[in-house]
């Protein structure tokens, strides 16, 4: 991601795909065998990541869980389809995903069951 100024391409091609010049607030996603075109970055949302925080603005619980799983060992899963699309807004530190789980449990109709330290299941609270 290019936060300020611009970034010139280092190599003209990767696997035959041309590398473009990145401008301020653009990002380029790539892997060993593919290269995507440059896309805009919301710097206000990217800045917290540099401070080891993740920001969710009206995100589905299933997307929040996927992001939290990136920052912890083990696995969090949503057991019920009915909770996967519950909306979350919040800012959480990546160093302590337990605080995010506590906030989810306190603010949504979700029960957290710890099968082991590494295996956490989120399920719907039965009325």
N, C-alpha and C. Protein backbone atom coordinates (compact mmCIF):
# COMPACT_ATOMS: atom_id res chain seq x y z
N UNK A 1 0.85 -1.16 0.00
CA UNK A 1 0.00 0.00 0.00
C UNK A 1 0.89 1.22 0.00
N UNK A 2 0.51 2.20 -0.77
CA UNK A 2 1.23 3.46 -0.84
C UNK A 2 0.45 4.48 -0.02
N UNK A 3 0.99 4.91 1.12
CA UNK A 3 0.28 5.84 2.00
C UNK A 3 0.49 7.28 1.59
N UNK A 4 1.68 7.64 1.18
CA UNK A 4 1.99 9.02 0.79
C UNK A 4 2.85 9.00 -0.46
N UNK A 5 2.69 9.97 -1.33
CA UNK A 5 3.54 10.06 -2.51
C UNK A 5 3.18 9.01 -3.53
N UNK A 6 4.19 8.40 -4.15
CA UNK A 6 3.94 7.36 -5.13
C UNK A 6 5.03 6.31 -5.04
N UNK A 7 4.78 5.18 -5.65
CA UNK A 7 5.72 4.07 -5.64
C UNK A 7 5.89 3.59 -7.07
N UNK A 8 7.11 3.70 -7.59
CA UNK A 8 7.36 3.25 -8.96
C UNK A 8 7.54 1.76 -8.99
N UNK A 9 7.22 1.19 -10.10
CA UNK A 9 7.38 -0.26 -10.23
C UNK A 9 8.86 -0.63 -10.21
N UNK A 10 9.16 -1.73 -9.56
CA UNK A 10 10.54 -2.21 -9.50
C UNK A 10 10.87 -3.05 -10.73
N UNK A 11 9.92 -3.85 -11.17
CA UNK A 11 10.09 -4.68 -12.36
C UNK A 11 8.95 -4.35 -13.32
N UNK A 12 9.22 -4.27 -14.59
CA UNK A 12 8.15 -3.93 -15.53
C UNK A 12 7.06 -4.99 -15.61
N UNK A 13 7.38 -6.26 -15.35
CA UNK A 13 6.36 -7.31 -15.42
C UNK A 13 6.62 -8.38 -14.36
N UNK A 14 5.55 -9.03 -13.98
CA UNK A 14 5.61 -10.25 -13.16
C UNK A 14 4.75 -11.26 -13.90
N UNK A 15 5.37 -12.36 -14.29
CA UNK A 15 4.66 -13.40 -15.04
C UNK A 15 3.90 -12.79 -16.22
N UNK A 16 4.52 -11.85 -16.90
CA UNK A 16 3.92 -11.24 -18.08
C UNK A 16 2.90 -10.15 -17.80
N UNK A 17 2.61 -9.87 -16.52
CA UNK A 17 1.66 -8.82 -16.18
C UNK A 17 2.42 -7.55 -15.85
N UNK A 18 1.98 -6.45 -16.42
CA UNK A 18 2.65 -5.16 -16.23
C UNK A 18 2.35 -4.61 -14.84
N UNK A 19 3.38 -4.10 -14.18
CA UNK A 19 3.21 -3.44 -12.89
C UNK A 19 2.99 -1.95 -13.13
N UNK A 20 1.92 -1.42 -12.60
CA UNK A 20 1.64 0.00 -12.72
C UNK A 20 2.24 0.77 -11.56
N UNK A 21 2.32 2.07 -11.73
CA UNK A 21 2.78 2.95 -10.67
C UNK A 21 1.65 3.16 -9.67
N UNK A 22 1.95 2.98 -8.39
CA UNK A 22 0.96 3.21 -7.35
C UNK A 22 0.97 4.67 -6.94
N UNK A 23 -0.20 5.23 -6.81
CA UNK A 23 -0.36 6.60 -6.34
C UNK A 23 -0.77 6.58 -4.87
N UNK A 24 -0.82 7.74 -4.27
CA UNK A 24 -1.25 7.85 -2.88
C UNK A 24 -2.61 7.19 -2.71
N UNK A 25 -2.76 6.42 -1.65
CA UNK A 25 -4.00 5.74 -1.28
C UNK A 25 -4.39 4.65 -2.26
N UNK A 26 -3.41 3.98 -2.85
CA UNK A 26 -3.68 2.83 -3.70
C UNK A 26 -2.93 1.62 -3.16
N UNK A 27 -3.47 0.45 -3.46
CA UNK A 27 -2.82 -0.79 -3.07
C UNK A 27 -2.80 -1.74 -4.25
N UNK A 28 -1.89 -2.66 -4.19
CA UNK A 28 -1.76 -3.66 -5.24
C UNK A 28 -1.65 -5.02 -4.57
N UNK A 29 -2.56 -5.91 -4.88
CA UNK A 29 -2.52 -7.25 -4.29
C UNK A 29 -1.90 -8.21 -5.30
N UNK A 30 -1.04 -9.08 -4.80
CA UNK A 30 -0.35 -10.01 -5.68
C UNK A 30 -0.02 -11.29 -4.94
N UNK A 31 0.25 -12.31 -5.70
CA UNK A 31 0.74 -13.58 -5.16
C UNK A 31 1.87 -14.03 -6.08
N UNK A 32 2.36 -15.22 -5.87
CA UNK A 32 3.47 -15.70 -6.70
C UNK A 32 3.06 -15.90 -8.15
N UNK A 33 1.76 -16.07 -8.41
CA UNK A 33 1.34 -16.33 -9.78
C UNK A 33 0.27 -15.38 -10.32
N UNK A 34 -0.07 -14.33 -9.60
CA UNK A 34 -1.06 -13.39 -10.13
C UNK A 34 -0.82 -11.98 -9.60
N UNK A 35 -1.35 -11.04 -10.33
CA UNK A 35 -1.21 -9.63 -10.00
C UNK A 35 -2.53 -8.94 -10.30
N UNK A 36 -3.12 -8.29 -9.29
CA UNK A 36 -4.36 -7.57 -9.50
C UNK A 36 -4.07 -6.13 -9.85
N UNK A 37 -5.06 -5.46 -10.41
CA UNK A 37 -4.88 -4.05 -10.73
C UNK A 37 -4.93 -3.24 -9.44
N UNK A 38 -4.35 -2.05 -9.49
CA UNK A 38 -4.33 -1.17 -8.32
C UNK A 38 -5.76 -0.79 -7.93
N UNK A 39 -5.99 -0.70 -6.63
CA UNK A 39 -7.31 -0.29 -6.13
C UNK A 39 -7.12 0.75 -5.04
N UNK A 40 -8.17 1.53 -4.81
CA UNK A 40 -8.13 2.59 -3.80
C UNK A 40 -8.14 2.00 -2.39
N UNK A 41 -7.49 2.70 -1.48
CA UNK A 41 -7.44 2.32 -0.08
C UNK A 41 -8.03 3.45 0.73
N UNK A 42 -8.88 3.11 1.70
CA UNK A 42 -9.40 4.10 2.63
C UNK A 42 -8.35 4.25 3.73
N UNK A 43 -7.58 5.33 3.67
CA UNK A 43 -6.48 5.51 4.62
C UNK A 43 -6.95 5.65 6.05
N UNK A 44 -8.15 6.18 6.26
CA UNK A 44 -8.68 6.28 7.62
C UNK A 44 -8.94 4.91 8.21
N UNK A 45 -9.30 3.95 7.37
CA UNK A 45 -9.52 2.60 7.86
C UNK A 45 -8.22 1.82 7.93
N UNK A 46 -7.23 2.17 7.11
CA UNK A 46 -5.96 1.46 7.11
C UNK A 46 -5.06 1.90 8.25
N UNK A 47 -5.18 3.15 8.68
CA UNK A 47 -4.31 3.69 9.72
C UNK A 47 -4.37 2.89 11.03
N UNK A 48 -5.54 2.47 11.51
CA UNK A 48 -5.56 1.69 12.75
C UNK A 48 -4.77 0.39 12.66
N UNK A 49 -4.70 -0.20 11.48
CA UNK A 49 -3.95 -1.44 11.32
C UNK A 49 -2.48 -1.22 11.67
N UNK A 50 -1.97 -0.05 11.32
CA UNK A 50 -0.58 0.27 11.65
C UNK A 50 -0.41 0.46 13.16
N UNK A 51 -1.50 0.68 13.86
CA UNK A 51 -1.49 0.81 15.32
C UNK A 51 -1.95 -0.50 15.97
N UNK A 52 -1.93 -1.57 15.21
CA UNK A 52 -2.32 -2.90 15.66
C UNK A 52 -3.76 -2.96 16.14
N UNK A 53 -4.62 -2.30 15.38
CA UNK A 53 -6.06 -2.31 15.64
C UNK A 53 -6.78 -2.68 14.35
N UNK A 54 -7.94 -3.32 14.51
CA UNK A 54 -8.80 -3.59 13.37
C UNK A 54 -10.13 -2.88 13.59
N UNK A 55 -10.64 -2.32 12.54
CA UNK A 55 -11.87 -1.54 12.59
C UNK A 55 -12.94 -2.24 11.79
N UNK A 56 -14.11 -2.39 12.39
CA UNK A 56 -15.26 -2.97 11.70
C UNK A 56 -16.37 -1.93 11.70
N UNK A 57 -16.87 -1.63 10.53
CA UNK A 57 -17.96 -0.68 10.38
C UNK A 57 -19.12 -1.41 9.72
N UNK A 58 -20.09 -1.80 10.54
CA UNK A 58 -21.28 -2.47 10.01
C UNK A 58 -20.91 -3.74 9.24
N UNK A 59 -20.01 -4.55 9.80
CA UNK A 59 -19.54 -5.78 9.15
C UNK A 59 -20.33 -6.97 9.67
N UNK A 60 -20.51 -7.94 8.81
CA UNK A 60 -21.18 -9.19 9.19
C UNK A 60 -20.29 -9.96 10.17
N UNK A 61 -20.92 -10.61 11.13
CA UNK A 61 -20.18 -11.37 12.14
C UNK A 61 -19.25 -12.39 11.50
N UNK A 62 -19.68 -13.04 10.44
CA UNK A 62 -18.84 -14.04 9.78
C UNK A 62 -17.56 -13.40 9.24
N UNK A 63 -17.63 -12.15 8.76
CA UNK A 63 -16.44 -11.45 8.28
C UNK A 63 -15.53 -11.03 9.44
N UNK A 64 -16.14 -10.62 10.53
CA UNK A 64 -15.38 -10.24 11.72
C UNK A 64 -14.64 -11.46 12.26
N UNK A 65 -15.30 -12.59 12.33
CA UNK A 65 -14.68 -13.83 12.81
C UNK A 65 -13.51 -14.21 11.90
N UNK A 66 -13.69 -14.10 10.60
CA UNK A 66 -12.60 -14.44 9.67
C UNK A 66 -11.39 -13.54 9.93
N UNK A 67 -11.62 -12.27 10.18
CA UNK A 67 -10.51 -11.35 10.45
C UNK A 67 -9.86 -11.66 11.80
N UNK A 68 -10.65 -11.92 12.82
CA UNK A 68 -10.10 -12.26 14.14
C UNK A 68 -9.26 -13.54 14.06
N UNK A 69 -9.69 -14.49 13.25
CA UNK A 69 -8.94 -15.74 13.10
C UNK A 69 -7.54 -15.52 12.56
N UNK A 70 -7.34 -14.43 11.84
CA UNK A 70 -6.01 -14.13 11.31
C UNK A 70 -5.02 -13.77 12.42
N UNK A 71 -5.53 -13.32 13.57
CA UNK A 71 -4.68 -12.79 14.63
C UNK A 71 -4.63 -13.67 15.87
N UNK A 72 -5.04 -14.90 15.76
CA UNK A 72 -5.00 -15.80 16.91
C UNK A 72 -4.68 -17.20 16.46
N UNK A 73 -4.12 -17.98 17.38
CA UNK A 73 -3.94 -19.39 17.06
C UNK A 73 -5.27 -20.08 17.36
N UNK A 74 -5.54 -21.13 16.67
CA UNK A 74 -6.81 -21.80 16.86
C UNK A 74 -7.85 -21.29 15.88
N UNK A 75 -9.11 -21.52 16.21
CA UNK A 75 -10.18 -21.23 15.28
C UNK A 75 -11.44 -20.80 16.01
N UNK A 76 -12.07 -19.76 15.48
CA UNK A 76 -13.40 -19.33 15.93
C UNK A 76 -14.34 -19.68 14.79
N UNK A 77 -15.47 -20.29 15.10
CA UNK A 77 -16.45 -20.58 14.05
C UNK A 77 -17.83 -20.09 14.48
N UNK A 78 -18.65 -19.75 13.49
CA UNK A 78 -20.07 -19.43 13.71
C UNK A 78 -20.85 -20.70 13.45
N UNK A 79 -21.52 -21.20 14.47
CA UNK A 79 -22.24 -22.47 14.35
C UNK A 79 -23.53 -22.32 13.55
N UNK A 80 -24.26 -21.24 13.77
CA UNK A 80 -25.57 -21.07 13.16
C UNK A 80 -25.53 -20.05 12.02
N UNK A 81 -26.20 -20.38 10.92
CA UNK A 81 -26.31 -19.42 9.82
C UNK A 81 -27.02 -18.16 10.26
N UNK A 82 -27.92 -18.29 11.23
CA UNK A 82 -28.72 -17.14 11.67
C UNK A 82 -27.89 -16.03 12.32
N UNK A 83 -26.69 -16.33 12.79
CA UNK A 83 -25.87 -15.29 13.42
C UNK A 83 -24.79 -14.74 12.49
N UNK A 84 -24.55 -15.41 11.39
CA UNK A 84 -23.43 -15.03 10.51
C UNK A 84 -23.54 -13.62 9.95
N UNK A 85 -24.76 -13.13 9.80
CA UNK A 85 -24.93 -11.81 9.18
C UNK A 85 -25.33 -10.73 10.19
N UNK A 86 -25.21 -11.04 11.47
CA UNK A 86 -25.41 -10.00 12.48
C UNK A 86 -24.33 -8.94 12.29
N UNK A 87 -24.70 -7.69 12.48
CA UNK A 87 -23.80 -6.57 12.18
C UNK A 87 -22.94 -6.17 13.38
N UNK A 88 -21.67 -5.88 13.10
CA UNK A 88 -20.72 -5.47 14.13
C UNK A 88 -20.07 -4.15 13.72
N UNK A 89 -19.95 -3.24 14.67
CA UNK A 89 -19.16 -2.02 14.51
C UNK A 89 -18.29 -1.90 15.74
N UNK A 90 -16.99 -1.73 15.53
CA UNK A 90 -16.10 -1.59 16.67
C UNK A 90 -14.64 -1.54 16.25
N UNK A 91 -13.81 -1.19 17.21
CA UNK A 91 -12.36 -1.15 17.02
C UNK A 91 -11.75 -2.08 18.06
N UNK A 92 -10.95 -3.02 17.60
CA UNK A 92 -10.37 -4.02 18.49
C UNK A 92 -8.87 -4.12 18.28
N UNK A 93 -8.14 -4.37 19.35
CA UNK A 93 -6.71 -4.59 19.26
C UNK A 93 -6.43 -5.99 18.74
N UNK A 94 -5.45 -6.12 17.88
CA UNK A 94 -5.14 -7.44 17.32
C UNK A 94 -4.38 -8.32 18.30
N UNK A 95 -3.80 -7.71 19.33
CA UNK A 95 -3.02 -8.48 20.30
C UNK A 95 -3.90 -9.25 21.29
N UNK A 96 -5.16 -8.83 21.45
CA UNK A 96 -6.04 -9.48 22.41
C UNK A 96 -7.42 -9.69 21.79
N UNK A 97 -7.55 -10.76 21.03
CA UNK A 97 -8.83 -11.04 20.39
C UNK A 97 -9.89 -11.48 21.40
N UNK A 98 -9.47 -11.82 22.61
CA UNK A 98 -10.44 -12.18 23.66
C UNK A 98 -11.36 -11.00 23.98
N UNK A 99 -10.81 -9.79 23.97
CA UNK A 99 -11.65 -8.61 24.22
C UNK A 99 -12.70 -8.44 23.14
N UNK A 100 -12.34 -8.73 21.91
CA UNK A 100 -13.30 -8.67 20.81
C UNK A 100 -14.41 -9.70 21.01
N UNK A 101 -14.02 -10.90 21.43
CA UNK A 101 -15.01 -11.95 21.69
C UNK A 101 -15.96 -11.56 22.82
N UNK A 102 -15.43 -10.95 23.86
CA UNK A 102 -16.27 -10.49 24.96
C UNK A 102 -17.27 -9.44 24.48
N UNK A 103 -16.81 -8.52 23.65
CA UNK A 103 -17.69 -7.47 23.13
C UNK A 103 -18.79 -8.07 22.25
N UNK A 104 -18.43 -9.06 21.46
CA UNK A 104 -19.42 -9.73 20.61
C UNK A 104 -20.48 -10.40 21.47
N UNK A 105 -20.03 -11.10 22.49
CA UNK A 105 -20.97 -11.82 23.36
C UNK A 105 -21.88 -10.86 24.13
N UNK A 106 -21.35 -9.70 24.52
CA UNK A 106 -22.13 -8.74 25.29
C UNK A 106 -23.09 -7.93 24.42
N UNK A 107 -22.78 -7.77 23.15
CA UNK A 107 -23.59 -6.88 22.32
C UNK A 107 -24.51 -7.59 21.33
N UNK A 108 -24.32 -8.87 21.11
CA UNK A 108 -25.14 -9.62 20.16
C UNK A 108 -25.79 -10.81 20.84
N UNK A 109 -26.86 -11.34 20.26
CA UNK A 109 -27.49 -12.54 20.83
C UNK A 109 -26.69 -13.80 20.48
N UNK A 110 -25.46 -13.81 21.00
CA UNK A 110 -24.51 -14.86 20.68
C UNK A 110 -23.93 -15.43 21.97
N UNK A 111 -23.81 -16.74 21.99
CA UNK A 111 -23.18 -17.43 23.13
C UNK A 111 -21.83 -17.95 22.66
N UNK A 112 -20.81 -17.78 23.51
CA UNK A 112 -19.48 -18.29 23.20
C UNK A 112 -19.24 -19.56 24.00
N UNK A 113 -18.87 -20.62 23.28
CA UNK A 113 -18.53 -21.89 23.92
C UNK A 113 -17.08 -22.20 23.58
N UNK A 114 -16.29 -22.42 24.61
CA UNK A 114 -14.88 -22.75 24.43
C UNK A 114 -14.72 -24.27 24.51
N UNK A 115 -14.53 -24.87 23.36
CA UNK A 115 -14.32 -26.32 23.32
C UNK A 115 -12.95 -26.62 23.91
N UNK A 116 -11.96 -25.85 23.47
CA UNK A 116 -10.60 -25.85 24.03
C UNK A 116 -10.14 -24.40 24.00
N UNK A 117 -8.92 -24.13 24.45
CA UNK A 117 -8.37 -22.78 24.36
C UNK A 117 -8.30 -22.32 22.90
N UNK A 118 -8.09 -23.26 22.01
CA UNK A 118 -7.90 -22.94 20.60
C UNK A 118 -9.18 -23.01 19.77
N UNK A 119 -10.19 -23.68 20.23
CA UNK A 119 -11.39 -23.95 19.46
C UNK A 119 -12.59 -23.27 20.12
N UNK A 120 -13.10 -22.22 19.48
CA UNK A 120 -14.20 -21.42 20.04
C UNK A 120 -15.38 -21.44 19.07
N UNK A 121 -16.57 -21.69 19.62
CA UNK A 121 -17.78 -21.77 18.82
C UNK A 121 -18.73 -20.65 19.23
N UNK A 122 -19.21 -19.90 18.24
CA UNK A 122 -20.23 -18.88 18.47
C UNK A 122 -21.56 -19.46 18.02
N UNK A 123 -22.55 -19.38 18.89
CA UNK A 123 -23.87 -19.93 18.53
C UNK A 123 -24.96 -18.95 18.94
N UNK A 124 -26.12 -19.16 18.37
CA UNK A 124 -27.26 -18.31 18.65
C UNK A 124 -27.80 -18.58 20.04
N UNK A 125 -28.12 -17.51 20.76
CA UNK A 125 -28.78 -17.68 22.07
C UNK A 125 -30.23 -18.02 21.80
N UNK A 126 -30.66 -19.09 22.39
CA UNK A 126 -32.06 -19.51 22.18
C UNK A 126 -32.97 -18.66 23.04
N UNK A 127 -34.06 -18.15 22.42
CA UNK A 127 -35.01 -17.30 23.19
C UNK A 127 -35.77 -18.09 24.23
